[in-house]
Protein backbone atom coordinates (compact mmCIF):
# COMPACT_ATOMS: atom_id res chain seq x y z
CA MET A 1 10.13 13.06 -6.99
CA ARG A 2 8.75 12.81 -10.52
CA THR A 3 5.16 13.67 -11.30
CA GLY A 4 3.37 10.35 -11.06
CA VAL A 5 3.07 6.61 -11.36
CA ARG A 6 2.27 5.30 -14.83
CA PHE A 7 -0.93 3.26 -14.57
CA PRO A 8 -1.85 0.51 -14.82
CA VAL A 9 0.91 -1.12 -12.81
CA THR A 10 0.98 -4.81 -13.64
CA SER A 11 2.57 -7.99 -12.36
CA ASP A 12 2.17 -11.62 -13.35
CA ARG A 13 -1.34 -11.96 -11.90
CA LEU A 14 -2.35 -8.49 -10.77
CA THR A 15 -3.30 -5.09 -12.12
CA ILE A 16 -3.03 -2.00 -9.93
CA ARG A 17 -4.90 1.16 -10.86
CA PRO A 18 -6.26 4.24 -9.11
CA LEU A 19 -9.40 3.63 -7.10
CA VAL A 20 -12.81 4.64 -8.43
CA ILE A 21 -15.84 5.12 -6.23
CA GLU A 22 -17.44 1.94 -7.61
CA ASP A 23 -14.65 -0.08 -5.93
CA ALA A 24 -16.16 0.64 -2.50
CA ARG A 25 -18.75 -2.14 -2.73
CA SER A 26 -16.09 -4.78 -3.42
CA LEU A 27 -13.62 -3.34 -0.91
CA HIS A 28 -16.21 -3.24 1.88
CA GLU A 29 -15.51 -6.96 2.46
CA LEU A 30 -11.90 -6.01 3.27
CA TYR A 31 -12.45 -2.68 5.01
CA SER A 32 -15.07 -4.05 7.40
CA ASP A 33 -13.07 -7.18 8.32
CA PRO A 34 -11.66 -6.71 11.85
CA LYS A 35 -9.03 -9.42 11.39
CA ALA A 36 -7.74 -8.07 8.06
CA MET A 37 -7.67 -4.49 9.36
CA ARG A 38 -6.59 -5.15 12.97
CA HIS A 39 -3.37 -3.13 12.80
CA LEU A 40 -4.48 -0.58 10.24
CA ALA A 41 -7.62 1.17 11.43
CA THR A 42 -9.27 2.03 14.71
CA GLU A 43 -12.84 2.38 13.47
CA LEU A 44 -13.95 0.14 10.62
CA PRO A 45 -16.72 1.05 8.19
CA ALA A 46 -19.90 -0.81 9.15
CA THR A 47 -21.80 0.14 6.00
CA ILE A 48 -21.12 0.38 2.27
CA ALA A 49 -21.69 4.15 2.58
CA GLN A 50 -18.82 4.36 5.08
CA SER A 51 -16.61 2.35 2.72
CA VAL A 52 -17.55 4.81 -0.03
CA SER A 53 -16.21 7.59 2.23
CA TRP A 54 -12.97 5.65 2.76
CA VAL A 55 -12.53 5.16 -0.99
CA GLN A 56 -13.31 8.83 -1.65
CA GLU A 57 -10.59 9.86 0.83
CA LYS A 58 -8.09 7.71 -1.08
CA ILE A 59 -9.23 9.14 -4.43
CA ASP A 60 -8.84 12.67 -3.04
CA ARG A 61 -5.36 11.86 -1.68
CA HIS A 62 -4.33 10.44 -5.07
CA THR A 63 -5.62 13.58 -6.81
CA ALA A 64 -3.75 15.86 -4.39
CA THR A 65 -0.42 14.01 -4.13
CA GLY A 66 -0.29 11.31 -6.81
CA LEU A 67 0.20 8.83 -3.97
CA SER A 68 -2.44 6.75 -2.24
CA MET A 69 -3.76 3.25 -1.89
CA TRP A 70 -4.85 1.94 -5.30
CA ALA A 71 -7.14 -0.87 -6.39
CA VAL A 72 -5.58 -4.33 -6.74
CA LEU A 73 -7.35 -6.53 -9.29
CA LEU A 74 -6.87 -10.09 -10.40
CA THR A 75 -5.91 -9.50 -14.02
CA LYS A 76 -7.83 -12.48 -15.44
CA SER A 77 -11.15 -11.98 -13.64
CA ARG A 78 -10.90 -8.20 -12.99
CA GLU A 79 -12.06 -8.83 -9.39
CA VAL A 80 -10.96 -6.11 -6.96
CA ILE A 81 -9.22 -8.09 -4.22
CA GLY A 82 -7.70 -5.33 -2.12
CA ASP A 83 -5.67 -2.18 -2.20
CA ALA A 84 -1.97 -1.40 -2.36
CA GLY A 85 0.02 1.70 -2.94
CA LEU A 86 2.46 4.33 -1.86
CA GLN A 87 1.56 6.99 0.69
CA LEU A 88 3.28 9.97 2.23
CA LEU A 89 3.63 9.75 5.99
CA GLU A 90 2.63 12.67 8.17
CA ASP A 91 6.09 14.22 7.78
CA GLY A 92 5.27 14.80 4.10
CA ALA A 93 8.58 13.36 2.91
CA THR A 94 8.71 9.66 3.79
CA VAL A 95 6.96 7.26 1.40
CA GLU A 96 5.39 4.08 2.76
CA VAL A 97 4.23 1.04 0.81
CA GLY A 98 1.01 -0.53 2.01
CA VAL A 99 -1.08 -3.48 0.96
CA ARG A 100 -4.32 -5.06 2.13
CA ILE A 101 -5.86 -8.14 0.55
CA LYS A 102 -9.23 -9.72 1.31
CA ARG A 103 -8.75 -12.37 3.96
CA ARG A 104 -10.37 -15.14 1.91
CA LEU A 105 -7.47 -14.72 -0.55
CA TRP A 106 -4.61 -14.73 1.97
CA GLY A 107 -1.93 -17.34 1.36
CA ASN A 108 -1.82 -16.89 -2.44
CA GLY A 109 1.06 -14.41 -2.52
CA TYR A 110 -1.10 -11.55 -3.80
CA GLY A 111 0.01 -9.16 -1.07
CA THR A 112 3.68 -9.81 -1.78
CA GLU A 113 3.13 -9.42 -5.51
CA ALA A 114 1.15 -6.19 -5.12
CA ALA A 115 3.67 -4.64 -2.72
CA LYS A 116 6.58 -5.48 -5.03
CA ALA A 117 4.73 -3.95 -8.00
CA ALA A 118 3.88 -0.76 -6.08
CA MET A 119 7.48 -0.39 -4.90
CA ALA A 120 8.86 -0.98 -8.39
CA ALA A 121 6.57 1.77 -9.71
CA GLY A 122 7.79 4.11 -6.98
CA PHE A 123 11.43 3.54 -7.79
CA ARG A 124 10.90 3.62 -11.57
CA ASP A 125 8.25 6.31 -12.05
CA LEU A 126 8.81 8.56 -9.04
CA ASP A 127 12.58 8.23 -8.80
CA LEU A 128 12.32 7.46 -5.09
CA SER A 129 15.50 6.54 -3.23
CA ARG A 130 13.78 4.88 -0.24
CA ILE A 131 10.41 3.32 0.54
CA ILE A 132 9.47 2.11 4.01
CA GLY A 133 7.00 -0.43 5.32
CA MET A 134 5.51 -0.27 8.80
CA THR A 135 3.68 -2.65 11.05
CA ALA A 136 2.58 -2.88 14.64
CA PRO A 137 5.07 -4.49 17.03
CA GLY A 138 4.28 -8.20 17.29
CA ASP A 139 2.76 -8.53 13.80
CA ASP A 140 5.08 -11.34 12.74
CA ALA A 141 3.18 -12.03 9.50
CA ALA A 142 3.72 -8.44 8.30
CA VAL A 143 7.39 -8.54 9.31
CA ALA A 144 7.83 -11.73 7.27
CA ALA A 145 5.99 -10.12 4.33
CA MET A 146 8.31 -7.09 4.40
CA ALA A 147 11.32 -9.38 4.37
CA ARG A 148 9.83 -11.28 1.39
CA ILE A 149 9.59 -8.07 -0.64
CA GLY A 150 13.24 -7.28 0.00
CA MET A 151 12.94 -4.81 2.84
CA ALA A 152 15.46 -4.65 5.68
CA PRO A 153 14.70 -3.73 9.30
CA CYS A 154 15.61 -0.21 10.36
CA GLY A 155 14.11 0.02 13.85
CA ILE A 156 11.14 1.44 15.69
CA GLU A 157 9.74 4.81 14.63
CA ARG A 158 6.87 6.87 15.94
CA HIS A 159 4.20 7.81 13.39
CA TYR A 160 0.59 8.83 13.86
CA GLY A 161 1.00 8.87 17.62
CA ARG A 162 2.23 5.30 18.05
CA ASP A 163 5.32 3.13 17.65
CA TRP A 164 5.79 1.06 14.50
CA VAL A 165 8.32 -1.55 13.41
CA VAL A 166 9.85 -0.03 10.26
CA TYR A 167 11.50 -1.78 7.33
CA GLU A 168 13.00 -0.11 4.29
CA ALA A 169 13.90 -0.77 0.68
CA LYS A 170 16.38 1.39 -1.16
CA ALA A 171 16.66 2.02 -4.86
CA GLU A 172 19.41 0.29 -6.75
CA PRO A 173 22.50 2.54 -6.62
CA THR A 174 23.08 2.28 -10.37
CA THR A 175 20.93 5.32 -11.15
CA SER A 176 20.60 8.79 -9.74
CA ARG A 177 17.65 9.11 -7.37
CA ALA A 178 15.88 12.05 -5.81
CA VAL A 179 16.22 11.98 -2.03
CA LEU A 180 13.05 12.63 -0.08
CA ARG A 181 14.45 11.89 3.34
């Protein structure tokens, strides 16, 4: 794996950059939303201070590994609308793409666009050969989203003490890639 993603990562409508602590106030709308976070967290932050802690954990992870969830902004307005990124799973070798967008903005394709941009950065900047996506069994919307970003099903895997439906995307075979898994 190469040393890091070149920021900002951009797409047609979005800018992705590392989180800063000031993003916590805007992201609290997302992080405290039980419907938006239903498959992703067991205990949601009830206060801005708790969201600050969540953001700080992501900043620390980015500092330590170069991978984390990053801020997703609407390029025109600069509004922080969610987070997306690449994370190492608990095995320390498998890279997962993740994306969360504020519920009031669902249905605009921002999640798809952010996930595609994060994956493209992983393949381009980190020389990854494979990126996975995971969701809880029965989360049909997430399964459809993974298919939209070009991922293919590869079965059920156990991570973080529970079973997940796993999809994967592989780098184009035209270039040499470092193999993490």
